[in-house]
């Protein structure tokens, strides 16, 4: 917690109930690569259902867009974010989901770096759901930065992070 002599800490300015609230009208884009379709589709479905059932996001506020290659996620995310802004219906948050084979791990790093760059350029949070598999799409052997993950909860986790970041994105003042 950082303080200066003339202001309260950030934590003292934000009431607890503000942190627990969320808006069922958040506009959320789920962008999914079709590489390793069974795996990426299961993850996207989990995120979608969690947003609707747990966070009560309205179905018409969730857009799902599928593309062929994971390497195209950054361009597609940036293009759709900008198009939605021009239309006057900006996204509050984007979830990018892609499953790649570990021999393409460097590509995963490149995708993640570009997603972060786009997040900062567009002021739209992008949740990175880029995973690498030790085998071609084996759901039990997914790793991210060397850490093994239980995929049964990743879609739900990304939905949770998306809601948290949508709250941050919609904050006008603290």
N, C-alpha and C. Protein backbone atom coordinates (compact mmCIF):
# COMPACT_ATOMS: atom_id res chain seq x y z
N UNK A 1 0.84 -1.16 0.00
CA UNK A 1 0.00 0.00 0.00
C UNK A 1 0.90 1.24 0.00
N UNK A 2 0.72 2.11 -0.98
CA UNK A 2 1.56 3.30 -1.10
C UNK A 2 0.78 4.51 -0.62
N UNK A 3 1.45 5.37 0.09
CA UNK A 3 0.83 6.59 0.60
C UNK A 3 1.77 7.78 0.36
N UNK A 4 1.14 8.93 0.22
CA UNK A 4 1.93 10.14 0.35
C UNK A 4 1.30 10.94 1.48
N UNK A 5 1.84 12.05 1.81
CA UNK A 5 1.36 12.80 2.98
C UNK A 5 -0.01 13.42 2.79
N UNK A 6 -0.49 13.52 1.56
CA UNK A 6 -1.71 14.28 1.31
C UNK A 6 -2.89 13.45 0.82
N UNK A 7 -2.75 12.15 0.72
CA UNK A 7 -3.87 11.36 0.21
C UNK A 7 -4.00 10.06 0.97
N UNK A 8 -5.19 9.51 0.90
CA UNK A 8 -5.43 8.20 1.51
C UNK A 8 -4.90 7.13 0.57
N UNK A 9 -4.73 5.93 1.11
CA UNK A 9 -4.31 4.83 0.24
C UNK A 9 -5.45 4.49 -0.71
N UNK A 10 -5.11 3.88 -1.82
CA UNK A 10 -6.13 3.46 -2.78
C UNK A 10 -7.12 2.52 -2.11
N UNK A 11 -6.64 1.61 -1.29
CA UNK A 11 -7.53 0.64 -0.64
C UNK A 11 -8.55 1.31 0.27
N UNK A 12 -8.20 2.44 0.88
CA UNK A 12 -9.14 3.14 1.75
C UNK A 12 -10.21 3.87 0.95
N UNK A 13 -9.93 4.20 -0.29
CA UNK A 13 -10.88 4.93 -1.13
C UNK A 13 -11.90 4.02 -1.79
N UNK A 14 -11.60 2.76 -1.91
CA UNK A 14 -12.50 1.81 -2.57
C UNK A 14 -13.21 1.01 -1.50
N UNK A 15 -14.52 1.14 -1.46
CA UNK A 15 -15.29 0.37 -0.48
C UNK A 15 -15.40 -1.07 -0.97
N UNK A 16 -15.53 -1.98 -0.03
CA UNK A 16 -15.57 -3.41 -0.34
C UNK A 16 -16.72 -3.75 -1.28
N UNK A 17 -17.88 -3.13 -1.09
CA UNK A 17 -19.02 -3.48 -1.95
C UNK A 17 -18.79 -3.07 -3.40
N UNK A 18 -17.95 -2.07 -3.64
CA UNK A 18 -17.62 -1.69 -5.00
C UNK A 18 -16.84 -2.79 -5.70
N UNK A 19 -16.03 -3.50 -4.96
CA UNK A 19 -15.22 -4.56 -5.55
C UNK A 19 -16.06 -5.78 -5.90
N UNK A 20 -17.17 -5.99 -5.20
CA UNK A 20 -17.99 -7.16 -5.42
C UNK A 20 -19.04 -6.96 -6.51
N UNK A 21 -19.27 -5.74 -6.93
CA UNK A 21 -20.29 -5.45 -7.93
C UNK A 21 -19.77 -5.70 -9.33
N UNK A 22 -20.66 -6.09 -10.20
CA UNK A 22 -20.32 -6.17 -11.61
C UNK A 22 -21.55 -5.84 -12.41
N UNK A 23 -21.36 -5.52 -13.65
CA UNK A 23 -22.42 -5.04 -14.52
C UNK A 23 -22.78 -6.15 -15.51
N UNK A 24 -24.04 -6.56 -15.50
CA UNK A 24 -24.46 -7.63 -16.41
C UNK A 24 -24.49 -7.17 -17.86
N UNK A 25 -24.24 -5.88 -18.09
CA UNK A 25 -24.21 -5.34 -19.45
C UNK A 25 -22.80 -5.17 -19.99
N UNK A 26 -21.80 -5.69 -19.28
CA UNK A 26 -20.45 -5.63 -19.83
C UNK A 26 -20.46 -6.28 -21.21
N UNK A 27 -19.78 -5.62 -22.16
CA UNK A 27 -19.64 -6.22 -23.49
C UNK A 27 -18.33 -6.98 -23.52
N UNK A 28 -18.43 -8.28 -23.81
CA UNK A 28 -17.27 -9.16 -23.74
C UNK A 28 -17.12 -9.91 -25.06
N UNK A 29 -15.90 -9.91 -25.58
CA UNK A 29 -15.57 -10.65 -26.79
C UNK A 29 -14.75 -11.87 -26.39
N UNK A 30 -15.21 -13.04 -26.81
CA UNK A 30 -14.42 -14.27 -26.68
C UNK A 30 -13.89 -14.58 -28.06
N UNK A 31 -12.58 -14.50 -28.21
CA UNK A 31 -11.93 -14.73 -29.49
C UNK A 31 -11.18 -16.05 -29.39
N UNK A 32 -11.56 -17.00 -30.25
CA UNK A 32 -11.06 -18.38 -30.14
C UNK A 32 -10.37 -18.83 -31.41
N UNK A 33 -9.16 -19.37 -31.26
CA UNK A 33 -8.46 -20.00 -32.37
C UNK A 33 -9.02 -21.41 -32.56
N UNK A 34 -9.12 -21.84 -33.81
CA UNK A 34 -9.62 -23.20 -34.09
C UNK A 34 -8.52 -24.25 -34.07
N UNK A 35 -7.27 -23.85 -33.91
CA UNK A 35 -6.21 -24.86 -33.75
C UNK A 35 -6.56 -25.69 -32.54
N UNK A 36 -6.37 -27.00 -32.62
CA UNK A 36 -6.75 -27.91 -31.53
C UNK A 36 -8.18 -27.59 -31.07
N UNK A 37 -9.08 -27.67 -32.03
CA UNK A 37 -10.45 -27.19 -31.86
C UNK A 37 -11.16 -27.77 -30.64
N UNK A 38 -11.06 -29.07 -30.43
CA UNK A 38 -11.79 -29.67 -29.30
C UNK A 38 -11.38 -29.03 -27.98
N UNK A 39 -10.10 -28.80 -27.80
CA UNK A 39 -9.60 -28.21 -26.56
C UNK A 39 -9.98 -26.74 -26.46
N UNK A 40 -9.72 -25.97 -27.51
CA UNK A 40 -10.01 -24.54 -27.44
C UNK A 40 -11.51 -24.29 -27.35
N UNK A 41 -12.30 -25.11 -28.01
CA UNK A 41 -13.75 -24.94 -27.95
C UNK A 41 -14.28 -25.25 -26.55
N UNK A 42 -13.75 -26.28 -25.91
CA UNK A 42 -14.18 -26.61 -24.54
C UNK A 42 -13.85 -25.46 -23.59
N UNK A 43 -12.68 -24.87 -23.75
CA UNK A 43 -12.28 -23.74 -22.90
C UNK A 43 -13.16 -22.52 -23.15
N UNK A 44 -13.42 -22.23 -24.43
CA UNK A 44 -14.28 -21.09 -24.77
C UNK A 44 -15.70 -21.30 -24.24
N UNK A 45 -16.20 -22.51 -24.36
CA UNK A 45 -17.54 -22.83 -23.87
C UNK A 45 -17.61 -22.64 -22.35
N UNK A 46 -16.59 -23.11 -21.64
CA UNK A 46 -16.56 -22.93 -20.18
C UNK A 46 -16.57 -21.45 -19.80
N UNK A 47 -15.78 -20.65 -20.49
CA UNK A 47 -15.74 -19.21 -20.20
C UNK A 47 -17.10 -18.58 -20.48
N UNK A 48 -17.69 -18.92 -21.61
CA UNK A 48 -19.00 -18.38 -22.00
C UNK A 48 -20.07 -18.75 -20.97
N UNK A 49 -20.14 -20.02 -20.61
CA UNK A 49 -21.16 -20.46 -19.65
C UNK A 49 -20.94 -19.84 -18.27
N UNK A 50 -19.70 -19.67 -17.87
CA UNK A 50 -19.41 -19.04 -16.59
C UNK A 50 -19.84 -17.57 -16.60
N UNK A 51 -19.57 -16.87 -17.69
CA UNK A 51 -20.00 -15.48 -17.79
C UNK A 51 -21.51 -15.36 -17.69
N UNK A 52 -22.22 -16.25 -18.35
CA UNK A 52 -23.68 -16.19 -18.33
C UNK A 52 -24.27 -16.69 -17.01
N UNK A 53 -23.83 -17.85 -16.56
CA UNK A 53 -24.48 -18.49 -15.41
C UNK A 53 -23.99 -17.98 -14.06
N UNK A 54 -22.72 -17.71 -13.95
CA UNK A 54 -22.18 -17.26 -12.66
C UNK A 54 -22.21 -15.74 -12.52
N UNK A 55 -21.86 -15.04 -13.60
CA UNK A 55 -21.77 -13.58 -13.54
C UNK A 55 -22.99 -12.89 -14.14
N UNK A 56 -23.92 -13.66 -14.69
CA UNK A 56 -25.19 -13.17 -15.22
C UNK A 56 -25.01 -12.11 -16.32
N UNK A 57 -23.97 -12.28 -17.12
CA UNK A 57 -23.78 -11.41 -18.27
C UNK A 57 -24.83 -11.79 -19.31
N UNK A 58 -25.48 -10.79 -19.86
CA UNK A 58 -26.54 -11.06 -20.84
C UNK A 58 -25.94 -11.69 -22.10
N UNK A 59 -26.68 -12.64 -22.64
CA UNK A 59 -26.20 -13.38 -23.81
C UNK A 59 -25.86 -12.45 -24.98
N UNK A 60 -26.67 -11.42 -25.18
CA UNK A 60 -26.41 -10.52 -26.30
C UNK A 60 -25.24 -9.56 -26.04
N UNK A 61 -24.65 -9.63 -24.87
CA UNK A 61 -23.46 -8.82 -24.55
C UNK A 61 -22.17 -9.61 -24.73
N UNK A 62 -22.29 -10.89 -25.07
CA UNK A 62 -21.12 -11.74 -25.28
C UNK A 62 -21.01 -12.06 -26.77
N UNK A 63 -19.91 -11.66 -27.37
CA UNK A 63 -19.67 -11.97 -28.78
C UNK A 63 -18.61 -13.06 -28.85
N UNK A 64 -18.85 -14.05 -29.69
CA UNK A 64 -17.88 -15.13 -29.88
C UNK A 64 -17.42 -15.08 -31.33
N UNK A 65 -16.11 -15.08 -31.52
CA UNK A 65 -15.54 -15.01 -32.85
C UNK A 65 -14.45 -16.05 -32.95
N UNK A 66 -14.51 -16.87 -33.99
CA UNK A 66 -13.50 -17.92 -34.18
C UNK A 66 -12.64 -17.60 -35.40
N UNK A 67 -11.35 -17.86 -35.24
CA UNK A 67 -10.41 -17.71 -36.35
C UNK A 67 -9.59 -18.99 -36.48
N UNK A 68 -8.95 -19.17 -37.61
CA UNK A 68 -8.23 -20.41 -37.87
C UNK A 68 -6.96 -20.55 -37.05
N UNK A 69 -6.08 -19.57 -37.09
CA UNK A 69 -4.76 -19.71 -36.49
C UNK A 69 -4.61 -18.88 -35.22
N UNK A 70 -3.90 -19.42 -34.25
CA UNK A 70 -3.63 -18.70 -33.01
C UNK A 70 -2.78 -17.45 -33.26
N UNK A 71 -1.89 -17.51 -34.23
CA UNK A 71 -1.01 -16.38 -34.52
C UNK A 71 -1.81 -15.15 -34.96
N UNK A 72 -3.04 -15.35 -35.43
CA UNK A 72 -3.88 -14.25 -35.88
C UNK A 72 -4.72 -13.63 -34.77
N UNK A 73 -4.62 -14.15 -33.55
CA UNK A 73 -5.40 -13.60 -32.44
C UNK A 73 -5.10 -12.12 -32.18
N UNK A 74 -3.84 -11.68 -32.13
CA UNK A 74 -3.59 -10.26 -31.86
C UNK A 74 -4.21 -9.32 -32.90
N UNK A 75 -3.98 -9.60 -34.18
CA UNK A 75 -4.55 -8.73 -35.22
C UNK A 75 -6.08 -8.71 -35.12
N UNK A 76 -6.68 -9.88 -34.99
CA UNK A 76 -8.14 -9.96 -34.95
C UNK A 76 -8.68 -9.23 -33.72
N UNK A 77 -8.02 -9.40 -32.58
CA UNK A 77 -8.46 -8.70 -31.37
C UNK A 77 -8.41 -7.19 -31.58
N UNK A 78 -7.29 -6.69 -32.10
CA UNK A 78 -7.15 -5.26 -32.31
C UNK A 78 -8.19 -4.74 -33.30
N UNK A 79 -8.37 -5.45 -34.40
CA UNK A 79 -9.33 -5.03 -35.41
C UNK A 79 -10.76 -4.98 -34.84
N UNK A 80 -11.17 -6.03 -34.12
CA UNK A 80 -12.53 -6.07 -33.59
C UNK A 80 -12.74 -5.05 -32.47
N UNK A 81 -11.71 -4.81 -31.66
CA UNK A 81 -11.81 -3.76 -30.62
C UNK A 81 -12.03 -2.41 -31.29
N UNK A 82 -11.23 -2.10 -32.30
CA UNK A 82 -11.35 -0.81 -32.99
C UNK A 82 -12.68 -0.69 -33.73
N UNK A 83 -13.12 -1.77 -34.38
CA UNK A 83 -14.40 -1.74 -35.10
C UNK A 83 -15.56 -1.51 -34.14
N UNK A 84 -15.52 -2.15 -32.98
CA UNK A 84 -16.59 -1.98 -31.99
C UNK A 84 -16.60 -0.55 -31.45
N UNK A 85 -15.42 0.04 -31.25
CA UNK A 85 -15.35 1.43 -30.78
C UNK A 85 -15.93 2.37 -31.82
N UNK A 86 -15.58 2.16 -33.10
CA UNK A 86 -16.10 3.02 -34.18
C UNK A 86 -17.62 2.93 -34.27
N UNK A 87 -18.15 1.76 -33.97
CA UNK A 87 -19.60 1.54 -34.01
C UNK A 87 -20.29 2.12 -32.77
N UNK A 88 -19.51 2.54 -31.78
CA UNK A 88 -20.08 3.08 -30.55
C UNK A 88 -20.51 2.01 -29.56
N UNK A 89 -20.02 0.79 -29.76
CA UNK A 89 -20.34 -0.31 -28.86
C UNK A 89 -19.04 -1.01 -28.44
N UNK A 90 -18.19 -0.30 -27.70
CA UNK A 90 -16.87 -0.88 -27.36
C UNK A 90 -16.98 -2.08 -26.44
N UNK A 91 -16.00 -2.94 -26.54
CA UNK A 91 -15.91 -4.08 -25.62
C UNK A 91 -15.29 -3.60 -24.32
N UNK A 92 -15.76 -4.16 -23.22
CA UNK A 92 -15.17 -3.87 -21.91
C UNK A 92 -13.96 -4.75 -21.67
N UNK A 93 -13.96 -5.92 -22.29
CA UNK A 93 -12.86 -6.87 -22.11
C UNK A 93 -12.91 -7.90 -23.23
N UNK A 94 -11.75 -8.46 -23.55
CA UNK A 94 -11.63 -9.50 -24.57
C UNK A 94 -10.92 -10.70 -23.94
N UNK A 95 -11.42 -11.90 -24.22
CA UNK A 95 -10.76 -13.13 -23.80
C UNK A 95 -10.26 -13.82 -25.06
N UNK A 96 -8.94 -13.98 -25.20
CA UNK A 96 -8.37 -14.68 -26.35
C UNK A 96 -7.98 -16.09 -25.92
N UNK A 97 -8.48 -17.08 -26.64
CA UNK A 97 -8.24 -18.48 -26.30
C UNK A 97 -7.58 -19.18 -27.48
N UNK A 98 -6.44 -19.81 -27.22
CA UNK A 98 -5.75 -20.56 -28.24
C UNK A 98 -4.94 -21.67 -27.62
N UNK A 99 -4.91 -22.81 -28.27
CA UNK A 99 -4.16 -23.97 -27.79
C UNK A 99 -3.16 -24.35 -28.88
N UNK A 100 -1.88 -24.31 -28.52
CA UNK A 100 -0.83 -24.61 -29.49
C UNK A 100 0.05 -25.73 -28.98
N UNK A 101 0.68 -26.45 -29.89
CA UNK A 101 1.59 -27.54 -29.54
C UNK A 101 2.90 -26.91 -29.06
N UNK A 102 3.52 -27.52 -28.06
CA UNK A 102 4.66 -26.90 -27.38
C UNK A 102 5.83 -26.57 -28.30
N UNK A 103 5.96 -27.23 -29.42
CA UNK A 103 7.07 -26.88 -30.31
C UNK A 103 6.89 -25.47 -30.88
N UNK A 104 5.68 -24.93 -30.73
CA UNK A 104 5.39 -23.57 -31.16
C UNK A 104 5.36 -22.60 -29.97
N UNK A 105 6.02 -22.97 -28.88
CA UNK A 105 5.99 -22.16 -27.65
C UNK A 105 6.44 -20.73 -27.89
N UNK A 106 7.44 -20.55 -28.75
CA UNK A 106 7.91 -19.20 -29.04
C UNK A 106 6.79 -18.38 -29.67
N UNK A 107 5.96 -19.02 -30.50
CA UNK A 107 4.82 -18.33 -31.08
C UNK A 107 3.86 -17.89 -29.98
N UNK A 108 3.66 -18.73 -28.98
CA UNK A 108 2.80 -18.37 -27.86
C UNK A 108 3.31 -17.14 -27.13
N UNK A 109 4.63 -17.07 -26.94
CA UNK A 109 5.22 -15.89 -26.30
C UNK A 109 4.99 -14.64 -27.14
N UNK A 110 5.16 -14.77 -28.45
CA UNK A 110 4.94 -13.65 -29.36
C UNK A 110 3.49 -13.19 -29.31
N UNK A 111 2.56 -14.14 -29.33
CA UNK A 111 1.14 -13.81 -29.25
C UNK A 111 0.86 -13.05 -27.96
N UNK A 112 1.35 -13.56 -26.84
CA UNK A 112 1.10 -12.90 -25.55
C UNK A 112 1.69 -11.50 -25.50
N UNK A 113 2.89 -11.31 -26.03
CA UNK A 113 3.50 -9.97 -26.05
C UNK A 113 2.66 -9.01 -26.87
N UNK A 114 2.18 -9.48 -28.02
CA UNK A 114 1.36 -8.61 -28.87
C UNK A 114 0.00 -8.31 -28.24
N UNK A 115 -0.58 -9.29 -27.54
CA UNK A 115 -1.85 -9.03 -26.86
C UNK A 115 -1.67 -7.96 -25.78
N UNK A 116 -0.57 -8.00 -25.05
CA UNK A 116 -0.31 -6.98 -24.03
C UNK A 116 -0.15 -5.61 -24.67
N UNK A 117 0.56 -5.56 -25.78
CA UNK A 117 0.76 -4.30 -26.50
C UNK A 117 -0.59 -3.72 -26.95
N UNK A 118 -1.45 -4.57 -27.47
CA UNK A 118 -2.77 -4.13 -27.94
C UNK A 118 -3.63 -3.68 -26.76
N UNK A 119 -3.53 -4.36 -25.63
CA UNK A 119 -4.25 -3.94 -24.43
C UNK A 119 -3.91 -2.50 -24.10
N UNK A 120 -2.64 -2.18 -24.10
CA UNK A 120 -2.20 -0.83 -23.74
C UNK A 120 -2.55 0.19 -24.82
N UNK A 121 -2.44 -0.20 -26.09
CA UNK A 121 -2.74 0.73 -27.18
C UNK A 121 -4.23 1.06 -27.28
N UNK A 122 -5.08 0.08 -27.02
CA UNK A 122 -6.53 0.27 -27.19
C UNK A 122 -7.24 0.60 -25.89
N UNK A 123 -6.56 0.52 -24.76
CA UNK A 123 -7.16 0.69 -23.44
C UNK A 123 -8.34 -0.26 -23.26
N UNK A 124 -8.17 -1.47 -23.76
CA UNK A 124 -9.17 -2.52 -23.59
C UNK A 124 -8.45 -3.75 -23.04
N UNK A 125 -8.85 -4.22 -21.86
CA UNK A 125 -8.18 -5.39 -21.28
C UNK A 125 -8.35 -6.63 -22.16
N UNK A 126 -7.27 -7.35 -22.35
CA UNK A 126 -7.30 -8.62 -23.07
C UNK A 126 -6.78 -9.70 -22.13
N UNK A 127 -7.61 -10.71 -21.90
CA UNK A 127 -7.23 -11.85 -21.08
C UNK A 127 -6.59 -12.88 -22.00
N UNK A 128 -5.37 -13.27 -21.70
CA UNK A 128 -4.66 -14.22 -22.55
C UNK A 128 -4.92 -15.64 -22.08
N UNK A 129 -5.60 -16.39 -22.92
CA UNK A 129 -5.84 -17.81 -22.69
C UNK A 129 -5.06 -18.62 -23.70
N UNK A 130 -3.78 -18.32 -23.84
CA UNK A 130 -2.92 -19.03 -24.79
C UNK A 130 -2.19 -20.13 -24.03
N UNK A 131 -2.45 -21.37 -24.40
CA UNK A 131 -1.85 -22.52 -23.74
C UNK A 131 -1.06 -23.34 -24.73
N UNK A 132 -0.03 -24.00 -24.23
CA UNK A 132 0.71 -24.93 -25.09
C UNK A 132 0.56 -26.34 -24.52
N UNK A 133 0.43 -27.29 -25.43
CA UNK A 133 0.25 -28.69 -25.06
C UNK A 133 1.53 -29.46 -25.38
N UNK A 134 1.87 -30.40 -24.52
CA UNK A 134 3.04 -31.24 -24.77
C UNK A 134 2.79 -32.21 -25.92
N UNK A 135 1.53 -32.50 -26.16
CA UNK A 135 1.15 -33.34 -27.30
C UNK A 135 0.10 -32.60 -28.09
N UNK A 136 -0.30 -33.13 -29.19
CA UNK A 136 -1.22 -32.44 -30.07
C UNK A 136 -2.63 -32.39 -29.50
N UNK A 137 -2.88 -31.42 -28.62
CA UNK A 137 -4.22 -31.21 -28.11
C UNK A 137 -4.63 -32.09 -26.95
N UNK A 138 -3.69 -32.77 -26.29
CA UNK A 138 -4.03 -33.61 -25.14
C UNK A 138 -4.45 -32.74 -23.98
N UNK A 139 -5.73 -32.83 -23.59
CA UNK A 139 -6.30 -31.96 -22.56
C UNK A 139 -5.63 -32.13 -21.21
N UNK A 140 -4.96 -33.23 -20.97
CA UNK A 140 -4.38 -33.45 -19.65
C UNK A 140 -2.97 -32.89 -19.50
N UNK A 141 -2.37 -32.46 -20.60
CA UNK A 141 -0.96 -32.08 -20.53
C UNK A 141 -0.72 -30.64 -20.97
N UNK A 142 -1.51 -29.71 -20.47
CA UNK A 142 -1.32 -28.31 -20.85
C UNK A 142 -0.42 -27.60 -19.88
N UNK A 143 0.45 -26.80 -20.45
CA UNK A 143 1.42 -26.05 -19.66
C UNK A 143 1.42 -24.61 -20.12
N UNK A 144 1.69 -23.71 -19.19
CA UNK A 144 1.89 -22.31 -19.52
C UNK A 144 3.09 -21.85 -18.70
N UNK A 145 4.12 -21.39 -19.39
CA UNK A 145 5.37 -21.01 -18.72
C UNK A 145 5.89 -22.12 -17.82
N UNK A 146 5.79 -23.36 -18.27
CA UNK A 146 6.32 -24.49 -17.53
C UNK A 146 5.43 -25.00 -16.41
N UNK A 147 4.32 -24.32 -16.15
CA UNK A 147 3.43 -24.73 -15.07
C UNK A 147 2.27 -25.55 -15.63
N UNK A 148 2.00 -26.70 -15.01
CA UNK A 148 0.93 -27.58 -15.46
C UNK A 148 -0.41 -27.07 -14.92
N UNK A 149 -1.45 -27.11 -15.75
CA UNK A 149 -2.76 -26.61 -15.38
C UNK A 149 -3.83 -27.68 -15.47
N UNK A 150 -4.80 -27.58 -14.57
CA UNK A 150 -6.01 -28.39 -14.63
C UNK A 150 -7.00 -27.61 -15.48
N UNK A 151 -7.26 -28.10 -16.67
CA UNK A 151 -8.09 -27.35 -17.61
C UNK A 151 -9.56 -27.27 -17.23
N UNK A 152 -9.98 -28.08 -16.27
CA UNK A 152 -11.40 -28.07 -15.95
C UNK A 152 -11.87 -26.74 -15.40
N UNK A 153 -10.96 -25.91 -14.90
CA UNK A 153 -11.37 -24.63 -14.33
C UNK A 153 -10.82 -23.41 -15.07
N UNK A 154 -10.04 -23.60 -16.13
CA UNK A 154 -9.42 -22.45 -16.78
C UNK A 154 -10.43 -21.52 -17.44
N UNK A 155 -11.42 -22.05 -18.12
CA UNK A 155 -12.44 -21.19 -18.73
C UNK A 155 -13.15 -20.36 -17.68
N UNK A 156 -13.47 -20.98 -16.55
CA UNK A 156 -14.11 -20.26 -15.45
C UNK A 156 -13.17 -19.19 -14.88
N UNK A 157 -11.91 -19.55 -14.76
CA UNK A 157 -10.92 -18.60 -14.25
C UNK A 157 -10.80 -17.39 -15.17
N UNK A 158 -10.72 -17.63 -16.48
CA UNK A 158 -10.62 -16.52 -17.42
C UNK A 158 -11.86 -15.64 -17.36
N UNK A 159 -13.04 -16.23 -17.15
CA UNK A 159 -14.27 -15.45 -17.00
C UNK A 159 -14.16 -14.55 -15.77
N UNK A 160 -13.66 -15.10 -14.68
CA UNK A 160 -13.50 -14.32 -13.44
C UNK A 160 -12.55 -13.15 -13.66
N UNK A 161 -11.41 -13.42 -14.29
CA UNK A 161 -10.44 -12.36 -14.55
C UNK A 161 -11.05 -11.32 -15.49
N UNK A 162 -11.82 -11.77 -16.47
CA UNK A 162 -12.47 -10.83 -17.40
C UNK A 162 -13.40 -9.88 -16.66
N UNK A 163 -14.18 -10.40 -15.73
CA UNK A 163 -15.09 -9.55 -14.95
C UNK A 163 -14.28 -8.56 -14.11
N UNK A 164 -13.22 -9.04 -13.47
CA UNK A 164 -12.38 -8.14 -12.67
C UNK A 164 -11.80 -7.02 -13.53
N UNK A 165 -11.32 -7.36 -14.71
CA UNK A 165 -10.72 -6.35 -15.58
C UNK A 165 -11.78 -5.44 -16.20
N UNK A 166 -12.98 -5.95 -16.45
CA UNK A 166 -14.06 -5.10 -16.95
C UNK A 166 -14.42 -4.06 -15.89
N UNK A 167 -14.38 -4.45 -14.62
CA UNK A 167 -14.62 -3.49 -13.53
C UNK A 167 -13.57 -2.39 -13.56
N UNK A 168 -12.31 -2.79 -13.71
CA UNK A 168 -11.24 -1.80 -13.77
C UNK A 168 -11.45 -0.88 -14.97
N UNK A 169 -11.76 -1.48 -16.12
CA UNK A 169 -11.94 -0.72 -17.35
C UNK A 169 -13.07 0.28 -17.25
N UNK A 170 -14.11 -0.06 -16.51
CA UNK A 170 -15.28 0.82 -16.41
C UNK A 170 -15.16 1.83 -15.26
N UNK A 171 -14.09 1.75 -14.48
CA UNK A 171 -13.90 2.68 -13.37
C UNK A 171 -13.58 4.07 -13.91
N UNK A 172 -14.38 5.03 -13.52
CA UNK A 172 -14.17 6.41 -13.96
C UNK A 172 -13.31 7.19 -12.98
N UNK A 173 -13.47 6.86 -11.70
CA UNK A 173 -12.67 7.53 -10.68
C UNK A 173 -12.59 6.66 -9.44
N UNK A 174 -11.61 6.90 -8.66
CA UNK A 174 -11.44 6.15 -7.41
C UNK A 174 -11.63 7.10 -6.26
